[in-house]
């Protein structure tokens, strides 16, 4: 019997925020791709013993620089979010930083999760899933003394995502970029309701639809 093979690809631009200048906007630990504690770039699986698939982290983007303030797509999507927010189009003004961060971001865990693989067990306070395909990601912000410091209430995360599946999750339309904040209109911050704080960020993009393990899925963030 010929084995069918499906691919679920997960990428993260969170680790690619380099400036368009010669200097690096901040340090990524470890040297990419990888993670300091748990790193699994792919996770093969089988369905009914003869149909195979694989979830993998797409590392082709990991050295691609993007400009200060984000890509043009990010700027458009965050502006569209502002237009429908409670404050309206003029309620939010997003300005790029004037200087680089001197500290670092440590990628602690980054694991692809195939079907029937426990996903999220490495990250704190995360419910464990094995009924779909996805990935689990955990990052620590380690500021230099001159960088914005945790504990002052001024640090937030904004995540733009794009996926070819909806899965009933708020704000996700197939193939349409979105601000990942569970469709809030009060603020664009991932950490308001997501699992993140001033000095850490974690996420688990996951498709648990009935046929998720048998279809091609992607999630970019």
N, C-alpha and C. Protein backbone atom coordinates (compact mmCIF):
# COMPACT_ATOMS: atom_id res chain seq x y z
N UNK A 1 0.85 -1.20 0.00
CA UNK A 1 0.00 0.00 0.00
C UNK A 1 0.88 1.25 0.00
N UNK A 2 0.59 2.16 -0.87
CA UNK A 2 1.36 3.40 -0.93
C UNK A 2 1.02 4.28 0.27
N UNK A 3 2.02 4.75 0.96
CA UNK A 3 1.79 5.55 2.15
C UNK A 3 1.56 7.01 1.77
N UNK A 4 0.47 7.58 2.25
CA UNK A 4 0.22 9.00 2.05
C UNK A 4 1.03 9.80 3.06
N UNK A 5 1.42 11.01 2.67
CA UNK A 5 2.26 11.80 3.55
C UNK A 5 1.76 13.23 3.58
N UNK A 6 1.53 13.73 4.79
CA UNK A 6 1.00 15.08 4.97
C UNK A 6 2.00 15.91 5.74
N UNK A 7 2.00 17.19 5.50
CA UNK A 7 2.93 18.10 6.16
C UNK A 7 2.15 19.20 6.88
N UNK A 8 2.49 19.42 8.13
CA UNK A 8 1.97 20.58 8.86
C UNK A 8 3.17 21.44 9.24
N UNK A 9 3.28 22.61 8.65
CA UNK A 9 4.47 23.44 8.87
C UNK A 9 4.20 24.58 9.83
N UNK A 10 5.08 24.79 10.78
CA UNK A 10 4.95 25.88 11.74
C UNK A 10 6.17 26.77 11.62
N UNK A 11 5.97 28.07 11.50
CA UNK A 11 7.09 29.00 11.46
C UNK A 11 6.90 30.07 12.51
N UNK A 12 7.98 30.74 12.86
CA UNK A 12 7.88 31.84 13.82
C UNK A 12 8.79 32.96 13.39
N UNK A 13 8.20 34.11 13.11
CA UNK A 13 8.97 35.30 12.77
C UNK A 13 9.33 36.05 14.04
N UNK A 14 8.83 35.59 15.17
CA UNK A 14 9.16 36.20 16.45
C UNK A 14 10.68 36.22 16.64
N UNK A 15 11.36 35.22 16.11
CA UNK A 15 12.80 35.13 16.28
C UNK A 15 13.56 35.81 15.16
N UNK A 16 12.89 36.58 14.32
CA UNK A 16 13.55 37.16 13.16
C UNK A 16 13.58 38.68 13.19
N UNK A 17 13.30 39.27 14.34
CA UNK A 17 13.15 40.72 14.35
C UNK A 17 14.51 41.41 14.33
N UNK A 18 15.14 41.37 13.18
CA UNK A 18 16.40 42.06 12.96
C UNK A 18 16.11 43.37 12.25
N UNK A 19 16.94 44.37 12.48
CA UNK A 19 16.74 45.63 11.78
C UNK A 19 17.26 45.53 10.36
N UNK A 20 16.89 46.50 9.54
CA UNK A 20 17.41 46.56 8.19
C UNK A 20 18.81 47.12 8.13
N UNK A 21 19.31 47.56 9.30
CA UNK A 21 20.67 48.10 9.35
C UNK A 21 21.68 46.97 9.56
N UNK A 22 22.96 47.34 9.60
CA UNK A 22 24.00 46.33 9.73
C UNK A 22 24.00 45.69 11.12
N UNK A 23 23.59 46.43 12.14
CA UNK A 23 23.61 45.91 13.50
C UNK A 23 22.39 45.02 13.74
N UNK A 24 22.50 44.12 14.71
CA UNK A 24 21.40 43.26 15.08
C UNK A 24 20.60 43.94 16.18
N UNK A 25 19.28 43.91 16.07
CA UNK A 25 18.43 44.64 17.02
C UNK A 25 18.51 44.07 18.42
N UNK A 26 18.78 42.78 18.54
CA UNK A 26 18.97 42.15 19.83
C UNK A 26 19.59 40.80 19.59
N UNK A 27 19.96 40.11 20.66
CA UNK A 27 20.61 38.81 20.56
C UNK A 27 19.57 37.70 20.74
N UNK A 28 19.66 36.68 19.89
CA UNK A 28 18.83 35.50 20.04
C UNK A 28 19.69 34.38 20.61
N UNK A 29 19.22 33.76 21.68
CA UNK A 29 19.90 32.63 22.30
C UNK A 29 18.98 31.42 22.22
N UNK A 30 19.50 30.26 21.72
CA UNK A 30 20.84 30.03 21.18
C UNK A 30 20.92 30.51 19.74
N UNK A 31 22.11 30.37 19.14
CA UNK A 31 22.22 30.66 17.71
C UNK A 31 21.22 29.79 16.97
N UNK A 32 20.51 30.38 16.03
CA UNK A 32 19.35 29.71 15.45
C UNK A 32 19.72 28.79 14.29
N UNK A 33 18.86 27.81 14.01
CA UNK A 33 17.66 27.45 14.76
C UNK A 33 17.97 26.57 15.95
N UNK A 34 17.06 26.53 16.91
CA UNK A 34 17.25 25.69 18.08
C UNK A 34 16.59 26.26 19.31
N UNK A 35 16.81 25.65 20.46
CA UNK A 35 16.28 26.09 21.74
C UNK A 35 17.23 25.61 22.82
N UNK A 36 17.24 26.30 23.96
CA UNK A 36 18.21 25.98 25.00
C UNK A 36 17.83 24.74 25.80
N UNK A 37 16.54 24.43 25.93
CA UNK A 37 16.12 23.28 26.73
C UNK A 37 15.52 22.16 25.88
N UNK A 38 14.52 22.49 25.08
CA UNK A 38 13.83 21.46 24.29
C UNK A 38 13.63 21.95 22.87
N UNK A 39 14.22 21.25 21.92
CA UNK A 39 14.13 21.63 20.51
C UNK A 39 13.80 20.39 19.70
N UNK A 40 12.66 20.43 19.00
CA UNK A 40 12.26 19.32 18.13
C UNK A 40 11.78 19.90 16.81
N UNK A 41 12.62 19.90 15.79
CA UNK A 41 12.27 20.56 14.53
C UNK A 41 11.21 19.83 13.72
N UNK A 42 11.02 18.53 13.95
CA UNK A 42 9.96 17.83 13.24
C UNK A 42 9.42 16.69 14.10
N UNK A 43 8.21 16.28 13.78
CA UNK A 43 7.53 15.25 14.57
C UNK A 43 6.70 14.37 13.64
N UNK A 44 7.29 13.27 13.15
CA UNK A 44 6.56 12.36 12.26
C UNK A 44 5.47 11.60 13.02
N UNK A 45 4.44 11.18 12.31
CA UNK A 45 3.38 10.40 12.94
C UNK A 45 2.71 9.52 11.90
N UNK A 46 1.93 8.56 12.39
CA UNK A 46 1.19 7.66 11.51
C UNK A 46 -0.29 7.66 11.89
N UNK A 47 -1.13 7.43 10.90
CA UNK A 47 -2.57 7.32 11.10
C UNK A 47 -3.01 5.96 10.60
N UNK A 48 -3.66 5.20 11.44
CA UNK A 48 -4.13 3.86 11.09
C UNK A 48 -3.00 2.94 10.65
N UNK A 49 -1.79 3.26 11.08
CA UNK A 49 -0.66 2.37 10.82
C UNK A 49 -0.05 2.45 9.45
N UNK A 50 -0.72 3.08 8.47
CA UNK A 50 -0.16 3.08 7.11
C UNK A 50 -0.13 4.46 6.46
N UNK A 51 -0.84 5.44 7.04
CA UNK A 51 -0.80 6.79 6.48
C UNK A 51 0.07 7.65 7.37
N UNK A 52 1.09 8.24 6.79
CA UNK A 52 2.04 8.98 7.59
C UNK A 52 1.96 10.48 7.37
N UNK A 53 2.42 11.23 8.34
CA UNK A 53 2.48 12.67 8.24
C UNK A 53 3.65 13.20 9.05
N UNK A 54 3.86 14.49 8.97
CA UNK A 54 4.95 15.10 9.74
C UNK A 54 4.64 16.56 10.00
N UNK A 55 4.79 16.97 11.25
CA UNK A 55 4.75 18.37 11.60
C UNK A 55 6.18 18.87 11.69
N UNK A 56 6.47 20.01 11.09
CA UNK A 56 7.84 20.50 11.12
C UNK A 56 7.88 22.01 11.29
N UNK A 57 8.94 22.47 11.93
CA UNK A 57 9.22 23.90 12.05
C UNK A 57 9.98 24.32 10.80
N UNK A 58 9.46 25.31 10.12
CA UNK A 58 10.09 25.78 8.88
C UNK A 58 11.21 26.75 9.26
N UNK A 59 12.45 26.31 9.13
CA UNK A 59 13.58 27.14 9.54
C UNK A 59 14.12 28.01 8.42
N UNK A 60 13.47 27.98 7.25
CA UNK A 60 14.01 28.75 6.12
C UNK A 60 13.91 30.25 6.35
N UNK A 61 12.99 30.69 7.22
CA UNK A 61 12.80 32.12 7.45
C UNK A 61 13.66 32.67 8.58
N UNK A 62 14.37 31.82 9.28
CA UNK A 62 14.95 32.22 10.56
C UNK A 62 16.09 33.22 10.44
N UNK A 63 16.64 33.40 9.28
CA UNK A 63 17.72 34.38 9.11
C UNK A 63 17.29 35.53 8.21
N UNK A 64 16.01 35.67 7.98
CA UNK A 64 15.51 36.71 7.09
C UNK A 64 15.25 37.99 7.87
N UNK A 65 15.97 39.08 7.59
CA UNK A 65 15.77 40.32 8.35
C UNK A 65 14.46 41.00 7.98
N UNK A 66 13.87 41.70 8.96
CA UNK A 66 12.70 42.52 8.70
C UNK A 66 12.98 43.91 9.25
N UNK A 67 12.33 44.95 8.74
CA UNK A 67 12.67 46.32 9.12
C UNK A 67 12.17 46.66 10.53
N UNK A 68 12.76 47.72 11.08
CA UNK A 68 12.31 48.25 12.37
C UNK A 68 10.82 48.58 12.28
N UNK A 69 10.05 48.18 13.29
CA UNK A 69 8.62 48.44 13.28
C UNK A 69 7.80 47.37 12.60
N UNK A 70 8.48 46.36 12.03
CA UNK A 70 7.76 45.26 11.41
C UNK A 70 7.64 45.39 9.91
N UNK A 71 7.16 44.34 9.29
CA UNK A 71 6.99 44.32 7.85
C UNK A 71 5.83 45.22 7.44
N UNK A 72 5.74 45.47 6.14
CA UNK A 72 4.62 46.26 5.63
C UNK A 72 3.29 45.56 5.93
N UNK A 73 3.28 44.23 5.81
CA UNK A 73 2.06 43.49 6.13
C UNK A 73 1.66 43.69 7.58
N UNK A 74 2.64 43.62 8.50
CA UNK A 74 2.33 43.83 9.91
C UNK A 74 1.74 45.22 10.14
N UNK A 75 2.35 46.23 9.55
CA UNK A 75 1.86 47.60 9.73
C UNK A 75 0.44 47.77 9.20
N UNK A 76 0.13 47.12 8.08
CA UNK A 76 -1.23 47.19 7.54
C UNK A 76 -2.22 46.49 8.47
N UNK A 77 -1.85 45.30 8.94
CA UNK A 77 -2.77 44.52 9.78
C UNK A 77 -3.01 45.21 11.11
N UNK A 78 -1.96 45.77 11.73
CA UNK A 78 -2.15 46.44 13.01
C UNK A 78 -2.97 47.73 12.82
N UNK A 79 -2.83 48.39 11.67
CA UNK A 79 -3.64 49.57 11.38
C UNK A 79 -5.10 49.21 11.17
N UNK A 80 -5.34 48.08 10.51
CA UNK A 80 -6.72 47.61 10.33
C UNK A 80 -7.34 47.25 11.67
N UNK A 81 -6.53 46.63 12.55
CA UNK A 81 -7.05 46.34 13.89
C UNK A 81 -7.43 47.64 14.60
N UNK A 82 -6.57 48.67 14.50
CA UNK A 82 -6.85 49.94 15.17
C UNK A 82 -8.15 50.56 14.67
N UNK A 83 -8.43 50.39 13.37
CA UNK A 83 -9.62 51.00 12.79
C UNK A 83 -10.90 50.41 13.37
N UNK A 84 -10.86 49.12 13.77
CA UNK A 84 -12.07 48.50 14.32
C UNK A 84 -12.03 48.39 15.84
N UNK A 85 -10.99 48.95 16.44
CA UNK A 85 -10.89 48.90 17.90
C UNK A 85 -11.89 49.85 18.54
N UNK A 86 -12.02 49.76 19.84
CA UNK A 86 -12.96 50.64 20.54
C UNK A 86 -12.58 52.10 20.39
N UNK A 87 -11.29 52.37 20.25
CA UNK A 87 -10.85 53.75 20.10
C UNK A 87 -10.94 54.28 18.69
N UNK A 88 -11.26 53.40 17.74
CA UNK A 88 -11.32 53.82 16.35
C UNK A 88 -9.94 54.00 15.75
N UNK A 89 -9.92 54.44 14.50
CA UNK A 89 -8.65 54.51 13.76
C UNK A 89 -7.62 55.42 14.43
N UNK A 90 -8.09 56.48 15.10
CA UNK A 90 -7.16 57.42 15.72
C UNK A 90 -6.95 57.14 17.20
N UNK A 91 -7.43 55.98 17.66
CA UNK A 91 -7.27 55.65 19.07
C UNK A 91 -5.90 55.07 19.39
N UNK A 92 -5.21 54.56 18.37
CA UNK A 92 -3.90 53.95 18.57
C UNK A 92 -2.91 54.53 17.56
N UNK A 93 -1.69 54.76 18.03
CA UNK A 93 -0.62 55.27 17.17
C UNK A 93 0.61 54.40 17.42
N UNK A 94 0.94 53.55 16.45
CA UNK A 94 2.05 52.62 16.62
C UNK A 94 3.33 53.22 16.05
N UNK A 95 4.34 53.37 16.90
CA UNK A 95 5.59 54.00 16.51
C UNK A 95 6.76 53.03 16.71
N UNK A 96 7.63 52.88 15.71
CA UNK A 96 8.79 52.00 15.89
C UNK A 96 9.78 52.60 16.89
N UNK A 97 10.52 51.72 17.55
CA UNK A 97 11.52 52.16 18.53
C UNK A 97 12.62 52.95 17.83
N UNK A 98 13.23 53.86 18.56
CA UNK A 98 14.31 54.67 18.01
C UNK A 98 15.69 54.07 18.25
N UNK A 99 15.77 53.03 19.10
CA UNK A 99 17.06 52.40 19.34
C UNK A 99 16.86 50.90 19.53
N UNK A 100 17.93 50.16 19.31
CA UNK A 100 17.88 48.72 19.44
C UNK A 100 17.87 48.29 20.90
N UNK A 101 17.39 47.09 21.14
CA UNK A 101 17.51 46.48 22.46
C UNK A 101 18.91 45.91 22.60
N UNK A 102 19.49 46.05 23.77
CA UNK A 102 20.83 45.53 24.01
C UNK A 102 20.80 44.14 24.65
N UNK A 103 19.62 43.74 25.12
CA UNK A 103 19.50 42.45 25.79
C UNK A 103 19.29 41.31 24.82
N UNK A 104 18.64 40.26 25.28
CA UNK A 104 18.49 39.06 24.46
C UNK A 104 17.13 38.42 24.68
N UNK A 105 16.77 37.57 23.73
CA UNK A 105 15.60 36.71 23.83
C UNK A 105 16.11 35.27 23.79
N UNK A 106 15.78 34.52 24.83
CA UNK A 106 16.20 33.12 24.89
C UNK A 106 15.03 32.22 24.52
N UNK A 107 15.19 31.46 23.46
CA UNK A 107 14.19 30.48 23.08
C UNK A 107 14.44 29.23 23.92
N UNK A 108 13.58 28.99 24.89
CA UNK A 108 13.77 27.89 25.83
C UNK A 108 13.23 26.58 25.24
N UNK A 109 12.00 26.62 24.74
CA UNK A 109 11.37 25.43 24.15
C UNK A 109 10.80 25.77 22.79
N UNK A 110 11.00 24.90 21.84
CA UNK A 110 10.35 25.01 20.53
C UNK A 110 10.24 23.60 19.97
N UNK A 111 9.04 23.04 20.00
CA UNK A 111 8.86 21.65 19.61
C UNK A 111 7.69 21.49 18.64
N UNK A 112 7.96 20.85 17.52
CA UNK A 112 6.89 20.44 16.63
C UNK A 112 6.11 19.30 17.27
N UNK A 113 4.80 19.28 17.08
CA UNK A 113 3.94 18.27 17.69
C UNK A 113 3.14 17.54 16.62
N UNK A 114 3.46 16.29 16.41
CA UNK A 114 2.68 15.47 15.50
C UNK A 114 1.44 14.92 16.17
N UNK A 115 0.62 14.24 15.40
CA UNK A 115 -0.62 13.65 15.89
C UNK A 115 -0.31 12.60 16.96
N UNK A 116 -1.05 12.66 18.08
CA UNK A 116 -0.89 11.77 19.22
C UNK A 116 0.42 11.98 19.97
N UNK A 117 1.07 13.11 19.74
CA UNK A 117 2.25 13.51 20.52
C UNK A 117 1.81 14.52 21.56
N UNK A 118 2.20 14.32 22.82
CA UNK A 118 1.82 15.26 23.87
C UNK A 118 2.41 16.63 23.57
N UNK A 119 1.55 17.63 23.45
CA UNK A 119 2.00 18.96 23.03
C UNK A 119 1.71 19.97 24.13
N UNK A 120 2.76 20.61 24.64
CA UNK A 120 2.63 21.63 25.66
C UNK A 120 3.17 21.21 27.01
N UNK A 121 3.61 19.96 27.12
CA UNK A 121 4.04 19.45 28.41
C UNK A 121 5.29 20.16 28.93
N UNK A 122 6.08 20.75 28.03
CA UNK A 122 7.32 21.42 28.44
C UNK A 122 7.09 22.83 28.98
N UNK A 123 5.95 23.43 28.68
CA UNK A 123 5.71 24.82 29.06
C UNK A 123 4.87 24.92 30.33
N UNK A 124 5.11 25.93 31.17
CA UNK A 124 4.36 26.06 32.42
C UNK A 124 2.90 26.42 32.18
N UNK A 125 2.02 25.84 33.01
CA UNK A 125 0.59 26.20 33.03
C UNK A 125 -0.07 26.06 31.66
N UNK A 126 0.28 25.02 30.94
CA UNK A 126 -0.30 24.77 29.62
C UNK A 126 -1.05 23.46 29.64
N UNK A 127 -2.29 23.47 29.13
CA UNK A 127 -3.03 22.21 29.04
C UNK A 127 -2.40 21.37 27.94
N UNK A 128 -2.39 20.05 28.14
CA UNK A 128 -1.71 19.14 27.24
C UNK A 128 -2.69 18.65 26.18
N UNK A 129 -2.26 18.66 24.93
CA UNK A 129 -3.10 18.20 23.82
C UNK A 129 -2.35 17.13 23.03
N UNK A 130 -3.11 16.18 22.46
CA UNK A 130 -2.53 15.21 21.53
C UNK A 130 -3.52 14.83 20.44
N UNK A 131 -4.57 15.66 20.28
CA UNK A 131 -5.64 15.33 19.35
C UNK A 131 -5.55 16.07 18.03
N UNK A 132 -4.39 16.66 17.74
CA UNK A 132 -4.23 17.40 16.50
C UNK A 132 -2.77 17.54 16.14
N UNK A 133 -2.43 18.61 15.43
CA UNK A 133 -1.04 18.88 15.05
C UNK A 133 -0.74 20.35 15.34
N UNK A 134 0.50 20.64 15.67
CA UNK A 134 0.87 22.02 15.98
C UNK A 134 2.30 22.11 16.47
N UNK A 135 2.52 23.03 17.40
CA UNK A 135 3.85 23.22 17.98
C UNK A 135 3.70 23.94 19.31
N UNK A 136 4.73 23.86 20.14
CA UNK A 136 4.74 24.58 21.40
C UNK A 136 6.02 25.41 21.48
N UNK A 137 5.89 26.62 22.01
CA UNK A 137 6.96 27.62 21.94
C UNK A 137 7.02 28.39 23.25
N UNK A 138 8.23 28.57 23.79
CA UNK A 138 8.40 29.33 25.04
C UNK A 138 9.69 30.16 24.95
N UNK A 139 9.57 31.44 25.21
CA UNK A 139 10.68 32.38 25.04
C UNK A 139 10.80 33.26 26.29
N UNK A 140 12.03 33.57 26.68
CA UNK A 140 12.29 34.46 27.81
C UNK A 140 12.96 35.74 27.32
N UNK A 141 12.49 36.87 27.82
CA UNK A 141 13.10 38.18 27.54
C UNK A 141 14.09 38.49 28.65
N UNK A 142 15.34 38.72 28.26
CA UNK A 142 16.41 39.01 29.23
C UNK A 142 17.00 40.38 28.89
N UNK A 143 16.46 41.44 29.51
CA UNK A 143 16.88 42.80 29.13
C UNK A 143 18.25 43.18 29.66
N UNK A 144 18.92 44.05 28.93
CA UNK A 144 20.13 44.71 29.44
C UNK A 144 19.68 45.85 30.34
N UNK A 145 20.57 46.39 31.17
CA UNK A 145 20.19 47.48 32.09
C UNK A 145 19.59 48.70 31.39
N UNK A 146 19.96 48.92 30.12
CA UNK A 146 19.45 50.09 29.40
C UNK A 146 18.13 49.81 28.67
N UNK A 147 17.66 48.56 28.69
CA UNK A 147 16.43 48.19 28.00
C UNK A 147 15.21 48.41 28.90
N UNK A 148 14.01 48.47 28.33
CA UNK A 148 12.79 48.47 29.15
C UNK A 148 12.77 47.28 30.09
N UNK A 149 12.42 47.51 31.34
CA UNK A 149 12.53 46.48 32.37
C UNK A 149 11.16 45.92 32.75
N UNK A 150 11.07 44.60 33.00
CA UNK A 150 9.83 44.02 33.54
C UNK A 150 9.51 44.62 34.90
N UNK A 151 8.22 44.58 35.25
CA UNK A 151 7.79 45.07 36.55
C UNK A 151 7.31 46.50 36.56
N UNK A 152 7.38 47.19 35.42
CA UNK A 152 6.95 48.58 35.35
C UNK A 152 5.62 48.73 34.61
N UNK A 153 5.06 47.61 34.15
CA UNK A 153 3.77 47.65 33.47
C UNK A 153 3.81 48.25 32.09
N UNK A 154 4.97 48.30 31.46
CA UNK A 154 5.11 48.96 30.17
C UNK A 154 5.47 48.00 29.03
N UNK A 155 5.62 46.74 29.33
CA UNK A 155 6.03 45.78 28.32
C UNK A 155 4.85 44.92 27.89
N UNK A 156 4.63 44.83 26.58
CA UNK A 156 3.55 44.01 26.04
C UNK A 156 4.05 43.30 24.78
N UNK A 157 3.32 42.25 24.39
CA UNK A 157 3.61 41.51 23.18
C UNK A 157 2.47 41.71 22.18
N UNK A 158 2.82 41.94 20.92
CA UNK A 158 1.84 41.96 19.84
C UNK A 158 2.25 40.87 18.86
N UNK A 159 1.34 39.94 18.59
CA UNK A 159 1.63 38.85 17.66
C UNK A 159 0.67 38.92 16.48
N UNK A 160 1.24 38.92 15.28
CA UNK A 160 0.44 38.77 14.07
C UNK A 160 0.58 37.35 13.58
N UNK A 161 -0.53 36.71 13.30
CA UNK A 161 -0.50 35.34 12.81
C UNK A 161 -1.18 35.21 11.47
N UNK A 162 -0.93 34.09 10.83
CA UNK A 162 -1.59 33.77 9.57
C UNK A 162 -1.59 32.25 9.45
N UNK A 163 -2.75 31.67 9.14
CA UNK A 163 -2.88 30.22 9.06
C UNK A 163 -3.90 29.86 7.99
N UNK A 164 -3.84 28.62 7.52
CA UNK A 164 -4.81 28.19 6.51
C UNK A 164 -5.98 27.44 7.13
N UNK A 165 -6.06 27.46 8.46
CA UNK A 165 -7.18 26.81 9.14
C UNK A 165 -7.76 27.78 10.16
N UNK A 166 -9.05 27.61 10.48
CA UNK A 166 -9.69 28.46 11.46
C UNK A 166 -9.88 27.75 12.79
N UNK A 167 -10.41 26.54 12.73
CA UNK A 167 -10.56 25.74 13.93
C UNK A 167 -11.50 26.34 14.96
N UNK A 168 -12.33 27.30 14.56
CA UNK A 168 -13.26 27.90 15.50
C UNK A 168 -12.62 28.87 16.46
N UNK A 169 -11.36 29.21 16.25
CA UNK A 169 -10.69 30.13 17.16
C UNK A 169 -11.05 31.57 16.81
N UNK A 170 -11.27 32.43 17.81
CA UNK A 170 -11.67 33.82 17.54
C UNK A 170 -10.62 34.56 16.70
N UNK A 171 -11.07 35.26 15.69
CA UNK A 171 -10.19 36.12 14.93
C UNK A 171 -9.40 35.44 13.84
N UNK A 172 -9.53 34.13 13.68
CA UNK A 172 -8.73 33.43 12.68
C UNK A 172 -9.60 33.09 11.48
N UNK A 173 -9.32 33.72 10.36
CA UNK A 173 -9.94 33.38 9.09
C UNK A 173 -8.87 32.70 8.24
N UNK A 174 -9.18 31.61 7.57
CA UNK A 174 -8.18 30.90 6.79
C UNK A 174 -7.42 31.82 5.84
N UNK A 175 -6.10 31.79 5.94
CA UNK A 175 -5.16 32.50 5.06
C UNK A 175 -5.15 34.02 5.25
N UNK A 176 -5.93 34.55 6.16
CA UNK A 176 -5.96 35.99 6.38
C UNK A 176 -5.10 36.34 7.60
N UNK A 177 -4.17 37.30 7.49
CA UNK A 177 -3.37 37.69 8.66
C UNK A 177 -4.25 38.33 9.73
N UNK A 178 -3.92 38.13 10.98
CA UNK A 178 -4.74 38.62 12.08
C UNK A 178 -3.85 38.98 13.27
N UNK A 179 -4.35 39.87 14.13
CA UNK A 179 -3.69 40.16 15.39
C UNK A 179 -4.17 39.14 16.40
N UNK A 180 -3.25 38.41 16.98
CA UNK A 180 -3.57 37.27 17.85
C UNK A 180 -3.84 37.77 19.27
N UNK A 181 -5.09 38.17 19.51
CA UNK A 181 -5.47 38.64 20.85
C UNK A 181 -6.89 38.22 21.20
N UNK A 182 -7.33 37.08 20.62
CA UNK A 182 -8.67 36.55 20.84
C UNK A 182 -9.75 37.57 20.48
N UNK A 183 -9.50 38.33 19.42
CA UNK A 183 -10.46 39.29 18.86
C UNK A 183 -10.84 40.41 19.82
N UNK A 184 -9.95 40.76 20.73
CA UNK A 184 -10.22 41.91 21.59
C UNK A 184 -10.26 43.19 20.78
N UNK A 185 -11.07 44.13 21.21
CA UNK A 185 -11.11 45.45 20.59
C UNK A 185 -10.56 46.53 21.52
N UNK A 186 -10.22 46.13 22.75
CA UNK A 186 -9.71 47.12 23.72
C UNK A 186 -8.23 47.37 23.55
N UNK A 187 -7.45 46.33 23.26
CA UNK A 187 -6.02 46.49 23.02
C UNK A 187 -5.53 45.35 22.14
N UNK A 188 -4.37 45.53 21.48
CA UNK A 188 -3.89 44.51 20.56
C UNK A 188 -2.94 43.51 21.21
N UNK A 189 -2.83 43.53 22.53
CA UNK A 189 -1.78 42.79 23.21
C UNK A 189 -2.11 41.30 23.36
N UNK A 190 -1.17 40.48 22.95
CA UNK A 190 -1.30 39.03 23.13
C UNK A 190 -1.36 38.68 24.61
N UNK A 191 -0.61 39.39 25.43
CA UNK A 191 -0.48 39.02 26.84
C UNK A 191 -1.68 39.40 27.69
N UNK A 192 -2.64 40.15 27.14
CA UNK A 192 -3.83 40.49 27.93
C UNK A 192 -4.62 39.23 28.28
N UNK A 193 -4.77 38.33 27.32
CA UNK A 193 -5.48 37.08 27.56
C UNK A 193 -4.63 35.86 27.26
N UNK A 194 -3.55 36.03 26.49
CA UNK A 194 -2.68 34.91 26.14
C UNK A 194 -1.70 34.59 27.25
N UNK A 195 -0.99 33.49 27.08
CA UNK A 195 -0.03 33.05 28.09
C UNK A 195 1.31 33.74 27.86
N UNK A 196 1.41 34.94 28.38
CA UNK A 196 2.64 35.72 28.27
C UNK A 196 2.68 36.73 29.39
N UNK A 197 3.87 37.15 29.77
CA UNK A 197 4.06 38.18 30.76
C UNK A 197 5.13 39.14 30.28
N UNK A 198 5.54 40.06 31.13
CA UNK A 198 6.50 41.07 30.68
C UNK A 198 7.85 40.47 30.31
N UNK A 199 8.21 39.33 30.87
CA UNK A 199 9.52 38.77 30.57
C UNK A 199 9.46 37.38 29.94
N UNK A 200 8.28 36.96 29.46
CA UNK A 200 8.20 35.67 28.77
C UNK A 200 7.03 35.67 27.79
N UNK A 201 7.11 34.78 26.82
CA UNK A 201 6.06 34.61 25.82
C UNK A 201 5.96 33.12 25.52
N UNK A 202 4.73 32.60 25.51
CA UNK A 202 4.55 31.22 25.09
C UNK A 202 3.28 31.10 24.25
N UNK A 203 3.31 30.15 23.34
CA UNK A 203 2.17 29.93 22.46
C UNK A 203 2.17 28.47 22.03
N UNK A 204 0.99 28.02 21.62
CA UNK A 204 0.88 26.68 21.06
C UNK A 204 -0.11 26.72 19.91
N UNK A 205 0.34 27.15 18.74
CA UNK A 205 -0.55 27.07 17.57
C UNK A 205 -0.91 25.62 17.33
N UNK A 206 -2.20 25.34 17.16
CA UNK A 206 -2.64 23.94 17.15
C UNK A 206 -3.93 23.81 16.38
N UNK A 207 -4.00 22.81 15.54
CA UNK A 207 -5.22 22.50 14.80
C UNK A 207 -5.71 21.13 15.26
N UNK A 208 -6.85 21.13 15.95
CA UNK A 208 -7.40 19.88 16.46
C UNK A 208 -8.68 19.48 15.72
N UNK A 209 -8.87 20.03 14.53
CA UNK A 209 -10.02 19.62 13.73
C UNK A 209 -9.93 18.12 13.44
N UNK A 210 -11.06 17.50 13.13
CA UNK A 210 -11.12 16.05 12.98
C UNK A 210 -10.13 15.53 11.94
N UNK A 211 -9.95 16.30 10.85
CA UNK A 211 -9.06 15.84 9.78
C UNK A 211 -7.72 16.56 9.78
N UNK A 212 -7.37 17.21 10.90
CA UNK A 212 -6.16 18.03 10.94
C UNK A 212 -4.90 17.24 10.60
N UNK A 213 -4.81 16.02 11.10
CA UNK A 213 -3.61 15.22 10.87
C UNK A 213 -3.52 14.67 9.46
N UNK A 214 -4.59 14.82 8.67
CA UNK A 214 -4.61 14.27 7.31
C UNK A 214 -4.65 15.36 6.25
N UNK A 215 -4.45 16.60 6.65
CA UNK A 215 -4.45 17.71 5.70
C UNK A 215 -3.21 18.56 5.88
N UNK A 216 -2.89 19.35 4.87
CA UNK A 216 -1.75 20.26 4.95
C UNK A 216 -2.15 21.50 5.74
N UNK A 217 -1.40 21.80 6.79
CA UNK A 217 -1.67 22.96 7.64
C UNK A 217 -0.43 23.84 7.71
N UNK A 218 -0.64 25.15 7.88
CA UNK A 218 0.50 26.01 8.18
C UNK A 218 0.07 27.07 9.18
N UNK A 219 1.02 27.54 9.95
CA UNK A 219 0.80 28.64 10.88
C UNK A 219 2.07 29.48 10.90
N UNK A 220 1.97 30.76 10.53
CA UNK A 220 3.08 31.70 10.60
C UNK A 220 2.76 32.72 11.67
N UNK A 221 3.76 33.14 12.46
CA UNK A 221 3.50 34.16 13.48
C UNK A 221 4.69 35.08 13.57
